[in-house]
Amino acid sequence: MPLDDILRAMQGQADSEIGGITQAANAEAAQLLAEAAAEGKAIRSRHRARAEPMLITEAASLQNKAKLGALRAIANAREQLLTDSFGHAEDCLAEIRRSKQYTAIFTALVQEAVEGLGEDLVARVDPHDAPLATTVFAQLGLRAEIQEVPIPLGGLEIGTRDGRVIIVNTLASRLDRARSILRGPVAAILSGKSKSEQEWTTTTAIPTPA
């Protein structure tokens, strides 16, 4: 066989072997890539399975924190509104004391306070109200020693001389009682809930002059 034919035969055999090797290598590489992709998917699935509950828990925790923060903000705002409401009520009482109605209101407060106390009483009033107290007690036919003490919003404290019974009937004390009793209804109104007027007690109201 001529040398050229031998070389061509050897070249053809080499090309065939190289092609087979290349094809096998490509097939093995494709298989390795497929296995790697499947393994990567499995790993991602395992990580996702472990991570999802943690993410859900963290998301729920963040939601709860946000809700608590919102509730605290609402509570603080409502508390400020309550404070402002009763502060306005105190301002109104101060205005009433400077009005013409105050004489009749003070008289009604005295009448309420002295009921059942008997005679020989001691009354404590604000210095501003001392002349008015003297006049009112005289008009009502009551005998009482009038002592002057600071009572900024007006009204009086009165009791027996032995100190066993003392009645506090000041406008400030009425506002304090109203604050504790009406706190719930006022908060309901500020939060937009309806409240029946029957639930509002009248025991803390300023007495209506007769």
N, C-alpha and C. Protein backbone atom coordinates (compact mmCIF):
# COMPACT_ATOMS: atom_id res chain seq x y z
N MET A 1 0.88 -1.19 0.00
CA MET A 1 0.00 0.00 0.00
C MET A 1 0.91 1.23 0.00
N PRO A 2 0.58 2.15 -0.88
CA PRO A 2 1.40 3.36 -0.94
C PRO A 2 1.34 4.10 0.40
N LEU A 3 2.40 4.86 0.63
CA LEU A 3 2.54 5.59 1.89
C LEU A 3 1.40 6.58 2.08
N ASP A 4 0.98 7.26 0.99
CA ASP A 4 -0.10 8.25 1.10
C ASP A 4 -1.39 7.60 1.56
N ASP A 5 -1.65 6.40 1.03
CA ASP A 5 -2.88 5.71 1.44
C ASP A 5 -2.83 5.32 2.91
N ILE A 6 -1.63 4.89 3.35
CA ILE A 6 -1.48 4.52 4.76
C ILE A 6 -1.72 5.72 5.65
N LEU A 7 -1.15 6.88 5.25
CA LEU A 7 -1.29 8.09 6.06
C LEU A 7 -2.75 8.55 6.11
N ARG A 8 -3.44 8.45 4.93
CA ARG A 8 -4.84 8.85 4.90
C ARG A 8 -5.68 7.94 5.77
N ALA A 9 -5.35 6.60 5.73
CA ALA A 9 -6.09 5.65 6.55
C ALA A 9 -5.89 5.95 8.03
N MET A 10 -4.61 6.23 8.39
CA MET A 10 -4.31 6.56 9.79
C MET A 10 -5.02 7.86 10.20
N GLN A 11 -5.06 8.85 9.27
CA GLN A 11 -5.71 10.12 9.57
C GLN A 11 -7.21 9.92 9.77
N GLY A 12 -7.81 9.06 8.88
CA GLY A 12 -9.25 8.79 9.01
C GLY A 12 -9.57 8.10 10.31
N GLN A 13 -8.69 7.12 10.70
CA GLN A 13 -8.94 6.41 11.96
C GLN A 13 -8.79 7.37 13.14
N ALA A 14 -7.79 8.26 13.05
CA ALA A 14 -7.58 9.22 14.14
C ALA A 14 -8.76 10.17 14.25
N ASP A 15 -9.25 10.63 13.05
CA ASP A 15 -10.40 11.54 13.08
C ASP A 15 -11.63 10.86 13.67
N SER A 16 -11.78 9.58 13.33
CA SER A 16 -12.93 8.83 13.86
C SER A 16 -12.83 8.67 15.36
N GLU A 17 -11.63 8.35 15.84
CA GLU A 17 -11.43 8.19 17.29
C GLU A 17 -11.62 9.52 18.02
N ILE A 18 -11.12 10.61 17.40
CA ILE A 18 -11.27 11.93 18.02
C ILE A 18 -12.75 12.31 18.08
N GLY A 19 -13.47 12.01 16.98
CA GLY A 19 -14.91 12.31 16.98
C GLY A 19 -15.65 11.54 18.05
N GLY A 20 -15.26 10.25 18.21
CA GLY A 20 -15.92 9.46 19.26
C GLY A 20 -15.61 9.98 20.64
N ILE A 21 -14.34 10.33 20.83
CA ILE A 21 -13.94 10.86 22.14
C ILE A 21 -14.67 12.17 22.42
N THR A 22 -14.72 13.06 21.38
CA THR A 22 -15.39 14.35 21.54
C THR A 22 -16.88 14.16 21.86
N GLN A 23 -17.50 13.23 21.12
CA GLN A 23 -18.93 12.97 21.35
C GLN A 23 -19.16 12.44 22.75
N ALA A 24 -18.31 11.53 23.19
CA ALA A 24 -18.45 10.98 24.55
C ALA A 24 -18.22 12.06 25.59
N ALA A 25 -17.21 12.93 25.32
CA ALA A 25 -16.93 14.01 26.26
C ALA A 25 -18.10 14.98 26.35
N ASN A 26 -18.67 15.29 25.17
CA ASN A 26 -19.82 16.19 25.17
C ASN A 26 -21.01 15.59 25.91
N ALA A 27 -21.23 14.32 25.70
CA ALA A 27 -22.34 13.64 26.38
C ALA A 27 -22.11 13.63 27.89
N GLU A 28 -20.86 13.34 28.27
CA GLU A 28 -20.55 13.32 29.72
C GLU A 28 -20.68 14.72 30.32
N ALA A 29 -20.25 15.74 29.56
CA ALA A 29 -20.37 17.11 30.04
C ALA A 29 -21.83 17.50 30.19
N ALA A 30 -22.66 17.12 29.19
CA ALA A 30 -24.08 17.42 29.27
C ALA A 30 -24.72 16.75 30.47
N GLN A 31 -24.31 15.49 30.72
CA GLN A 31 -24.85 14.78 31.87
C GLN A 31 -24.43 15.44 33.18
N LEU A 32 -23.15 15.85 33.23
CA LEU A 32 -22.66 16.53 34.44
C LEU A 32 -23.40 17.85 34.66
N LEU A 33 -23.65 18.59 33.56
CA LEU A 33 -24.39 19.84 33.68
C LEU A 33 -25.81 19.60 34.16
N ALA A 34 -26.45 18.56 33.62
CA ALA A 34 -27.81 18.24 34.04
C ALA A 34 -27.85 17.84 35.50
N GLU A 35 -26.87 17.03 35.92
CA GLU A 35 -26.81 16.63 37.33
C GLU A 35 -26.56 17.84 38.23
N ALA A 36 -25.67 18.72 37.75
CA ALA A 36 -25.37 19.92 38.55
C ALA A 36 -26.61 20.81 38.66
N ALA A 37 -27.35 20.96 37.56
CA ALA A 37 -28.57 21.77 37.61
C ALA A 37 -29.61 21.17 38.55
N ALA A 38 -29.75 19.83 38.47
CA ALA A 38 -30.71 19.16 39.35
C ALA A 38 -30.30 19.31 40.81
N GLU A 39 -29.00 19.17 41.06
CA GLU A 39 -28.50 19.32 42.43
C GLU A 39 -28.69 20.76 42.93
N GLY A 40 -28.42 21.74 42.02
CA GLY A 40 -28.63 23.14 42.38
C GLY A 40 -30.09 23.42 42.70
N LYS A 41 -30.98 22.85 41.90
CA LYS A 41 -32.42 23.03 42.15
C LYS A 41 -32.82 22.42 43.48
N ALA A 42 -32.27 21.23 43.76
CA ALA A 42 -32.58 20.57 45.03
C ALA A 42 -32.06 21.39 46.21
N ILE A 43 -30.85 21.94 46.03
CA ILE A 43 -30.27 22.75 47.11
C ILE A 43 -31.11 24.01 47.33
N ARG A 44 -31.51 24.64 46.22
CA ARG A 44 -32.35 25.83 46.35
C ARG A 44 -33.69 25.50 47.01
N SER A 45 -34.25 24.35 46.66
CA SER A 45 -35.52 23.94 47.27
C SER A 45 -35.36 23.73 48.76
N ARG A 46 -34.23 23.06 49.13
CA ARG A 46 -33.99 22.84 50.56
C ARG A 46 -33.80 24.16 51.29
N HIS A 47 -33.04 25.08 50.69
CA HIS A 47 -32.82 26.39 51.32
C HIS A 47 -34.13 27.17 51.42
N ARG A 48 -34.93 27.10 50.35
CA ARG A 48 -36.21 27.80 50.37
C ARG A 48 -37.13 27.21 51.42
N ALA A 49 -37.12 25.89 51.54
CA ALA A 49 -37.97 25.24 52.55
C ALA A 49 -37.58 25.66 53.95
N ARG A 50 -36.25 25.84 54.17
CA ARG A 50 -35.80 26.27 55.49
C ARG A 50 -36.02 27.78 55.69
N ALA A 51 -35.88 28.54 54.61
CA ALA A 51 -35.94 29.99 54.74
C ALA A 51 -37.36 30.52 54.81
N GLU A 52 -38.30 29.88 54.12
CA GLU A 52 -39.67 30.40 54.06
C GLU A 52 -40.31 30.54 55.43
N PRO A 53 -40.24 29.52 56.31
CA PRO A 53 -40.83 29.72 57.65
C PRO A 53 -40.18 30.87 58.41
N MET A 54 -38.85 31.01 58.23
CA MET A 54 -38.17 32.11 58.91
C MET A 54 -38.65 33.45 58.36
N LEU A 55 -38.82 33.53 57.02
CA LEU A 55 -39.29 34.77 56.43
C LEU A 55 -40.72 35.08 56.85
N ILE A 56 -41.55 34.03 56.91
CA ILE A 56 -42.93 34.23 57.33
C ILE A 56 -42.99 34.72 58.77
N THR A 57 -42.17 34.10 59.63
CA THR A 57 -42.12 34.50 61.04
C THR A 57 -41.64 35.94 61.19
N GLU A 58 -40.60 36.28 60.41
CA GLU A 58 -40.07 37.64 60.49
C GLU A 58 -41.09 38.66 59.99
N ALA A 59 -41.80 38.29 58.91
CA ALA A 59 -42.81 39.20 58.37
C ALA A 59 -43.94 39.41 59.38
N ALA A 60 -44.36 38.31 60.04
CA ALA A 60 -45.42 38.43 61.05
C ALA A 60 -44.95 39.29 62.22
N SER A 61 -43.67 39.12 62.60
CA SER A 61 -43.13 39.92 63.70
C SER A 61 -43.11 41.40 63.33
N LEU A 62 -42.71 41.71 62.10
CA LEU A 62 -42.69 43.10 61.66
C LEU A 62 -44.09 43.69 61.61
N GLN A 63 -45.06 42.87 61.16
CA GLN A 63 -46.45 43.34 61.13
C GLN A 63 -46.96 43.63 62.54
N ASN A 64 -46.64 42.73 63.47
CA ASN A 64 -47.08 42.93 64.86
C ASN A 64 -46.45 44.19 65.45
N LYS A 65 -45.17 44.40 65.17
CA LYS A 65 -44.50 45.59 65.67
C LYS A 65 -45.15 46.85 65.09
N ALA A 66 -45.47 46.78 63.79
CA ALA A 66 -46.11 47.93 63.16
C ALA A 66 -47.48 48.20 63.77
N LYS A 67 -48.24 47.13 64.03
CA LYS A 67 -49.56 47.29 64.64
C LYS A 67 -49.45 47.88 66.03
N LEU A 68 -48.50 47.36 66.82
CA LEU A 68 -48.31 47.89 68.17
C LEU A 68 -47.90 49.36 68.14
N GLY A 69 -47.03 49.69 67.19
CA GLY A 69 -46.62 51.08 67.06
C GLY A 69 -47.80 51.98 66.70
N ALA A 70 -48.65 51.49 65.80
CA ALA A 70 -49.83 52.27 65.42
C ALA A 70 -50.78 52.43 66.59
N LEU A 71 -50.98 51.33 67.36
CA LEU A 71 -51.87 51.40 68.52
C LEU A 71 -51.35 52.37 69.57
N ARG A 72 -50.02 52.34 69.78
CA ARG A 72 -49.43 53.28 70.74
C ARG A 72 -49.62 54.72 70.27
N ALA A 73 -49.43 54.94 68.98
CA ALA A 73 -49.60 56.30 68.46
C ALA A 73 -51.04 56.77 68.62
N ILE A 74 -52.00 55.86 68.35
CA ILE A 74 -53.41 56.20 68.50
C ILE A 74 -53.73 56.48 69.96
N ALA A 75 -53.22 55.62 70.86
CA ALA A 75 -53.48 55.80 72.30
C ALA A 75 -52.90 57.13 72.79
N ASN A 76 -51.69 57.46 72.34
CA ASN A 76 -51.07 58.73 72.75
C ASN A 76 -51.87 59.92 72.24
N ALA A 77 -52.31 59.83 70.98
CA ALA A 77 -53.11 60.92 70.41
C ALA A 77 -54.43 61.07 71.15
N ARG A 78 -55.06 59.93 71.47
CA ARG A 78 -56.34 59.98 72.17
C ARG A 78 -56.16 60.54 73.58
N GLU A 79 -55.06 60.16 74.24
CA GLU A 79 -54.79 60.68 75.58
C GLU A 79 -54.59 62.19 75.54
N GLN A 80 -53.91 62.66 74.49
CA GLN A 80 -53.71 64.10 74.35
C GLN A 80 -55.02 64.81 74.12
N LEU A 81 -55.91 64.19 73.33
CA LEU A 81 -57.22 64.78 73.09
C LEU A 81 -58.04 64.85 74.37
N LEU A 82 -57.94 63.79 75.19
CA LEU A 82 -58.64 63.80 76.48
C LEU A 82 -58.12 64.92 77.37
N THR A 83 -56.80 65.03 77.42
CA THR A 83 -56.20 66.09 78.23
C THR A 83 -56.65 67.46 77.75
N ASP A 84 -56.66 67.64 76.44
CA ASP A 84 -57.09 68.93 75.88
C ASP A 84 -58.57 69.19 76.18
N SER A 85 -59.40 68.12 76.10
CA SER A 85 -60.84 68.29 76.34
C SER A 85 -61.11 68.74 77.76
N PHE A 86 -60.48 68.07 78.72
CA PHE A 86 -60.71 68.45 80.11
C PHE A 86 -60.01 69.76 80.46
N GLY A 87 -58.92 70.06 79.76
CA GLY A 87 -58.31 71.38 79.95
C GLY A 87 -59.24 72.49 79.48
N HIS A 88 -59.94 72.23 78.38
CA HIS A 88 -60.93 73.20 77.89
C HIS A 88 -62.08 73.33 78.88
N ALA A 89 -62.49 72.18 79.46
CA ALA A 89 -63.56 72.23 80.46
C ALA A 89 -63.15 73.07 81.67
N GLU A 90 -61.89 72.94 82.07
CA GLU A 90 -61.40 73.75 83.20
C GLU A 90 -61.41 75.23 82.86
N ASP A 91 -61.03 75.55 81.62
CA ASP A 91 -61.08 76.95 81.19
C ASP A 91 -62.52 77.48 81.22
N CYS A 92 -63.47 76.62 80.83
CA CYS A 92 -64.88 77.03 80.85
C CYS A 92 -65.36 77.30 82.27
N LEU A 93 -64.92 76.47 83.22
CA LEU A 93 -65.30 76.68 84.62
C LEU A 93 -64.72 77.99 85.15
N ALA A 94 -63.49 78.29 84.72
CA ALA A 94 -62.88 79.56 85.13
C ALA A 94 -63.69 80.74 84.58
N GLU A 95 -64.18 80.59 83.36
CA GLU A 95 -65.01 81.64 82.78
C GLU A 95 -66.34 81.77 83.53
N ILE A 96 -66.92 80.63 83.92
CA ILE A 96 -68.18 80.66 84.67
C ILE A 96 -68.02 81.41 85.97
N ARG A 97 -66.87 81.22 86.61
CA ARG A 97 -66.66 81.90 87.89
C ARG A 97 -66.65 83.42 87.73
N ARG A 98 -66.26 83.88 86.54
CA ARG A 98 -66.24 85.32 86.31
C ARG A 98 -67.56 85.84 85.73
N SER A 99 -68.51 84.94 85.55
CA SER A 99 -69.77 85.35 84.94
C SER A 99 -70.82 85.72 86.00
N LYS A 100 -71.93 86.26 85.54
CA LYS A 100 -73.03 86.62 86.44
C LYS A 100 -73.72 85.39 87.01
N GLN A 101 -73.58 84.27 86.35
CA GLN A 101 -74.22 83.03 86.80
C GLN A 101 -73.58 82.48 88.07
N TYR A 102 -72.34 82.88 88.35
CA TYR A 102 -71.60 82.23 89.43
C TYR A 102 -72.29 82.40 90.78
N THR A 103 -72.93 83.53 91.04
CA THR A 103 -73.60 83.72 92.33
C THR A 103 -74.65 82.64 92.56
N ALA A 104 -75.48 82.39 91.54
CA ALA A 104 -76.50 81.36 91.66
C ALA A 104 -75.88 79.98 91.79
N ILE A 105 -74.80 79.73 91.05
CA ILE A 105 -74.13 78.43 91.13
C ILE A 105 -73.51 78.22 92.51
N PHE A 106 -72.85 79.25 93.03
CA PHE A 106 -72.25 79.15 94.37
C PHE A 106 -73.34 78.89 95.41
N THR A 107 -74.47 79.56 95.29
CA THR A 107 -75.58 79.35 96.22
C THR A 107 -76.05 77.90 96.18
N ALA A 108 -76.18 77.35 94.97
CA ALA A 108 -76.61 75.96 94.82
C ALA A 108 -75.58 75.00 95.42
N LEU A 109 -74.29 75.30 95.25
CA LEU A 109 -73.24 74.47 95.85
C LEU A 109 -73.34 74.48 97.37
N VAL A 110 -73.59 75.65 97.94
CA VAL A 110 -73.74 75.75 99.40
C VAL A 110 -74.93 74.93 99.86
N GLN A 111 -76.05 75.07 99.19
CA GLN A 111 -77.26 74.35 99.59
C GLN A 111 -77.04 72.84 99.54
N GLU A 112 -76.37 72.37 98.51
CA GLU A 112 -76.06 70.94 98.42
C GLU A 112 -75.17 70.49 99.58
N ALA A 113 -74.13 71.30 99.86
CA ALA A 113 -73.11 70.88 100.82
C ALA A 113 -73.61 70.85 102.25
N VAL A 114 -74.49 71.79 102.62
CA VAL A 114 -74.90 71.91 104.03
C VAL A 114 -76.05 70.97 104.38
N GLU A 115 -76.63 70.31 103.42
CA GLU A 115 -77.80 69.47 103.71
C GLU A 115 -77.45 68.38 104.72
N GLY A 116 -78.12 68.42 105.83
CA GLY A 116 -77.93 67.40 106.87
C GLY A 116 -76.76 67.64 107.80
N LEU A 117 -76.05 68.75 107.65
CA LEU A 117 -74.88 68.99 108.50
C LEU A 117 -75.24 69.64 109.83
N GLY A 118 -76.40 70.24 109.92
CA GLY A 118 -76.78 70.89 111.16
C GLY A 118 -76.28 72.32 111.22
N GLU A 119 -75.97 72.76 112.45
CA GLU A 119 -75.52 74.15 112.64
C GLU A 119 -74.08 74.17 113.13
N ASP A 120 -73.59 75.38 113.38
CA ASP A 120 -72.22 75.60 113.83
C ASP A 120 -71.23 74.94 112.87
N LEU A 121 -71.13 75.52 111.71
CA LEU A 121 -70.32 74.96 110.64
C LEU A 121 -69.08 75.81 110.39
N VAL A 122 -68.12 75.24 109.72
CA VAL A 122 -66.92 75.95 109.28
C VAL A 122 -66.83 75.80 107.77
N ALA A 123 -66.80 76.93 107.07
CA ALA A 123 -66.74 76.91 105.61
C ALA A 123 -65.42 77.50 105.14
N ARG A 124 -64.81 76.80 104.20
CA ARG A 124 -63.57 77.30 103.60
C ARG A 124 -63.87 77.70 102.16
N VAL A 125 -63.54 78.94 101.84
CA VAL A 125 -63.79 79.47 100.50
C VAL A 125 -62.57 80.23 100.03
N ASP A 126 -62.50 80.43 98.73
CA ASP A 126 -61.41 81.23 98.17
C ASP A 126 -61.58 82.69 98.61
N PRO A 127 -60.48 83.39 98.87
CA PRO A 127 -60.61 84.80 99.26
C PRO A 127 -61.47 85.62 98.31
N HIS A 128 -61.43 85.28 97.04
CA HIS A 128 -62.24 86.00 96.06
C HIS A 128 -63.74 85.81 96.33
N ASP A 129 -64.10 84.64 96.92
CA ASP A 129 -65.51 84.32 97.15
C ASP A 129 -65.98 84.66 98.56
N ALA A 130 -65.08 85.14 99.42
CA ALA A 130 -65.45 85.37 100.82
C ALA A 130 -66.63 86.34 100.97
N PRO A 131 -66.64 87.48 100.30
CA PRO A 131 -67.81 88.38 100.43
C PRO A 131 -69.09 87.70 99.95
N LEU A 132 -69.00 86.96 98.85
CA LEU A 132 -70.17 86.27 98.32
C LEU A 132 -70.65 85.21 99.30
N ALA A 133 -69.71 84.48 99.92
CA ALA A 133 -70.08 83.45 100.88
C ALA A 133 -70.81 84.05 102.08
N THR A 134 -70.31 85.17 102.57
CA THR A 134 -70.97 85.85 103.69
C THR A 134 -72.42 86.20 103.34
N THR A 135 -72.62 86.74 102.17
CA THR A 135 -73.96 87.12 101.73
C THR A 135 -74.86 85.90 101.57
N VAL A 136 -74.35 84.85 100.94
CA VAL A 136 -75.16 83.66 100.67
C VAL A 136 -75.55 82.97 101.97
N PHE A 137 -74.61 82.83 102.89
CA PHE A 137 -74.92 82.18 104.16
C PHE A 137 -75.97 82.97 104.93
N ALA A 138 -75.86 84.28 104.87
CA ALA A 138 -76.86 85.12 105.56
C ALA A 138 -78.23 84.96 104.91
N GLN A 139 -78.28 84.95 103.60
CA GLN A 139 -79.55 84.79 102.89
C GLN A 139 -80.19 83.43 103.18
N LEU A 140 -79.36 82.41 103.35
CA LEU A 140 -79.88 81.06 103.61
C LEU A 140 -80.15 80.82 105.10
N GLY A 141 -79.81 81.80 105.94
CA GLY A 141 -80.02 81.66 107.38
C GLY A 141 -79.09 80.65 108.02
N LEU A 142 -77.88 80.52 107.48
CA LEU A 142 -76.91 79.56 107.99
C LEU A 142 -75.87 80.27 108.84
N ARG A 143 -75.45 79.57 109.90
CA ARG A 143 -74.40 80.12 110.75
C ARG A 143 -73.14 79.32 110.49
N ALA A 144 -72.11 80.01 110.00
CA ALA A 144 -70.86 79.32 109.68
C ALA A 144 -69.70 80.29 109.78
N GLU A 145 -68.60 79.77 110.30
CA GLU A 145 -67.36 80.55 110.29
C GLU A 145 -66.74 80.41 108.91
N ILE A 146 -66.41 81.50 108.30
CA ILE A 146 -65.86 81.48 106.95
C ILE A 146 -64.35 81.66 107.03
N GLN A 147 -63.64 80.66 106.54
CA GLN A 147 -62.18 80.70 106.49
C GLN A 147 -61.74 80.81 105.02
N GLU A 148 -60.70 81.60 104.81
CA GLU A 148 -60.25 81.81 103.43
C GLU A 148 -59.05 80.91 103.11
N VAL A 149 -59.20 80.11 102.08
CA VAL A 149 -58.13 79.24 101.57
C VAL A 149 -58.18 79.29 100.04
N PRO A 150 -57.06 79.04 99.37
CA PRO A 150 -57.07 79.08 97.89
C PRO A 150 -57.96 77.97 97.31
N ILE A 151 -58.97 78.35 96.57
CA ILE A 151 -59.82 77.42 95.81
C ILE A 151 -59.97 78.04 94.43
N PRO A 152 -59.03 77.79 93.53
CA PRO A 152 -58.92 78.55 92.28
C PRO A 152 -60.18 78.60 91.43
N LEU A 153 -60.91 77.48 91.29
CA LEU A 153 -62.08 77.50 90.41
C LEU A 153 -63.37 77.85 91.13
N GLY A 154 -63.30 78.01 92.44
CA GLY A 154 -64.49 78.38 93.19
C GLY A 154 -65.20 77.19 93.80
N GLY A 155 -66.30 77.48 94.51
CA GLY A 155 -66.97 76.46 95.30
C GLY A 155 -66.56 76.58 96.75
N LEU A 156 -66.79 75.51 97.51
CA LEU A 156 -66.45 75.60 98.94
C LEU A 156 -66.21 74.23 99.53
N GLU A 157 -65.56 74.24 100.68
CA GLU A 157 -65.45 73.08 101.56
C GLU A 157 -66.14 73.46 102.86
N ILE A 158 -66.99 72.60 103.37
CA ILE A 158 -67.73 72.93 104.58
C ILE A 158 -67.88 71.68 105.43
N GLY A 159 -67.86 71.89 106.74
CA GLY A 159 -67.99 70.75 107.63
C GLY A 159 -68.36 71.19 109.03
N THR A 160 -68.53 70.19 109.87
CA THR A 160 -68.86 70.48 111.27
C THR A 160 -67.61 71.02 111.97
N ARG A 161 -67.83 71.77 113.03
CA ARG A 161 -66.70 72.39 113.71
C ARG A 161 -65.75 71.36 114.30
N ASP A 162 -66.26 70.21 114.69
CA ASP A 162 -65.37 69.19 115.26
C ASP A 162 -64.57 68.45 114.18
N GLY A 163 -64.85 68.76 112.92
CA GLY A 163 -64.09 68.17 111.83
C GLY A 163 -64.44 66.74 111.49
N ARG A 164 -65.50 66.21 112.09
CA ARG A 164 -65.86 64.82 111.79
C ARG A 164 -66.46 64.66 110.41
N VAL A 165 -67.13 65.68 109.94
CA VAL A 165 -67.74 65.63 108.61
C VAL A 165 -67.26 66.84 107.82
N ILE A 166 -66.68 66.58 106.67
CA ILE A 166 -66.24 67.66 105.77
C ILE A 166 -66.76 67.35 104.37
N ILE A 167 -67.46 68.28 103.79
CA ILE A 167 -68.00 68.13 102.44
C ILE A 167 -67.20 69.04 101.50
N VAL A 168 -66.63 68.43 100.48
CA VAL A 168 -65.90 69.20 99.46
C VAL A 168 -66.84 69.35 98.26
N ASN A 169 -67.23 70.57 98.01
CA ASN A 169 -68.14 70.83 96.90
C ASN A 169 -67.59 71.99 96.06
N THR A 170 -66.36 71.80 95.59
CA THR A 170 -65.72 72.81 94.75
C THR A 170 -65.92 72.44 93.28
N LEU A 171 -65.78 73.42 92.42
CA LEU A 171 -65.89 73.13 90.99
C LEU A 171 -64.73 72.25 90.53
N ALA A 172 -63.57 72.43 91.15
CA ALA A 172 -62.43 71.58 90.79
C ALA A 172 -62.68 70.12 91.15
N SER A 173 -63.28 69.88 92.32
CA SER A 173 -63.58 68.50 92.73
C SER A 173 -64.61 67.89 91.80
N ARG A 174 -65.58 68.68 91.36
CA ARG A 174 -66.58 68.17 90.42
C ARG A 174 -65.92 67.82 89.08
N LEU A 175 -64.97 68.63 88.64
CA LEU A 175 -64.28 68.34 87.40
C LEU A 175 -63.46 67.06 87.53
N ASP A 176 -62.81 66.87 88.69
CA ASP A 176 -62.04 65.64 88.92
C ASP A 176 -62.94 64.41 88.86
N ARG A 177 -64.11 64.49 89.50
CA ARG A 177 -65.04 63.36 89.46
C ARG A 177 -65.53 63.13 88.03
N ALA A 178 -65.80 64.22 87.34
CA ALA A 178 -66.24 64.09 85.95
C ALA A 178 -65.15 63.46 85.09
N ARG A 179 -63.91 63.83 85.35
CA ARG A 179 -62.80 63.29 84.57
C ARG A 179 -62.71 61.78 84.71
N SER A 180 -62.86 61.28 85.94
CA SER A 180 -62.76 59.83 86.15
C SER A 180 -63.98 59.08 85.62
N ILE A 181 -65.17 59.68 85.76
CA ILE A 181 -66.39 59.01 85.33
C ILE A 181 -66.60 59.10 83.82
N LEU A 182 -66.29 60.25 83.26
CA LEU A 182 -66.56 60.47 81.84
C LEU A 182 -65.40 60.09 80.94
N ARG A 183 -64.31 59.62 81.51
CA ARG A 183 -63.14 59.29 80.69
C ARG A 183 -63.49 58.28 79.61
N GLY A 184 -64.24 57.23 79.99
CA GLY A 184 -64.62 56.22 79.01
C GLY A 184 -65.51 56.77 77.91
N PRO A 185 -66.63 57.43 78.26
CA PRO A 185 -67.49 58.01 77.21
C PRO A 185 -66.80 59.03 76.33
N VAL A 186 -65.97 59.89 76.94
CA VAL A 186 -65.27 60.89 76.13
C VAL A 186 -64.29 60.21 75.17
N ALA A 187 -63.58 59.18 75.67
CA ALA A 187 -62.65 58.44 74.80
C ALA A 187 -63.40 57.78 73.66
N ALA A 188 -64.62 57.25 73.95
CA ALA A 188 -65.42 56.62 72.90
C ALA A 188 -65.82 57.63 71.84
N ILE A 189 -66.18 58.83 72.28
CA ILE A 189 -66.56 59.87 71.32
C ILE A 189 -65.36 60.26 70.47
N LEU A 190 -64.21 60.41 71.10
CA LEU A 190 -63.01 60.80 70.36
C LEU A 190 -62.57 59.73 69.39
N SER A 191 -62.91 58.46 69.69
CA SER A 191 -62.53 57.37 68.79
C SER A 191 -63.59 57.10 67.74
N GLY A 192 -64.70 57.90 67.79
CA GLY A 192 -65.72 57.77 66.77
C GLY A 192 -66.84 56.82 67.11
N LYS A 193 -66.88 56.27 68.34
CA LYS A 193 -67.94 55.36 68.72
C LYS A 193 -69.08 56.15 69.34
N SER A 194 -70.32 55.70 69.10
CA SER A 194 -71.48 56.40 69.65
C SER A 194 -71.70 55.98 71.09
N LYS A 195 -72.19 56.90 71.89
CA LYS A 195 -72.51 56.63 73.30
C LYS A 195 -73.85 57.25 73.62
N SER A 196 -74.69 56.51 74.32
CA SER A 196 -75.98 57.05 74.72
C SER A 196 -75.79 58.07 75.83
N GLU A 197 -76.56 59.14 75.75
CA GLU A 197 -76.44 60.17 76.78
C GLU A 197 -76.87 59.63 78.14
N GLN A 198 -77.66 58.55 78.15
CA GLN A 198 -78.09 58.00 79.43
C GLN A 198 -76.92 57.45 80.22
N GLU A 199 -75.82 57.12 79.56
CA GLU A 199 -74.67 56.55 80.26
C GLU A 199 -73.85 57.63 80.94
N TRP A 200 -74.15 58.87 80.67
CA TRP A 200 -73.41 59.97 81.28
C TRP A 200 -74.09 60.33 82.60
N THR A 201 -73.36 60.18 83.69
CA THR A 201 -73.93 60.48 85.00
C THR A 201 -74.10 61.97 85.20
N THR A 202 -75.10 62.34 85.98
CA THR A 202 -75.35 63.77 86.24
C THR A 202 -74.86 64.18 87.62
N THR A 203 -74.27 63.24 88.36
CA THR A 203 -73.86 63.57 89.72
C THR A 203 -72.69 64.51 89.77
N THR A 204 -71.93 64.62 88.67
CA THR A 204 -70.77 65.50 88.67
C THR A 204 -71.06 66.81 87.95
N ALA A 205 -72.28 67.00 87.49
CA ALA A 205 -72.61 68.21 86.77
C ALA A 205 -72.65 69.42 87.70
N ILE A 206 -72.40 70.58 87.13
CA ILE A 206 -72.54 71.81 87.92
C ILE A 206 -74.01 71.98 88.26
N PRO A 207 -74.34 72.20 89.51
CA PRO A 207 -75.74 72.31 89.90
C PRO A 207 -76.44 73.44 89.16
N THR A 208 -77.63 73.15 88.71
CA THR A 208 -78.43 74.17 88.02
C THR A 208 -79.08 75.07 89.03
N PRO A 209 -78.89 76.37 88.90
CA PRO A 209 -79.51 77.28 89.88
C PRO A 209 -81.02 77.13 89.86
N ALA A 210 -81.63 77.18 91.04
CA ALA A 210 -83.08 77.05 91.12
C ALA A 210 -83.75 78.29 90.56
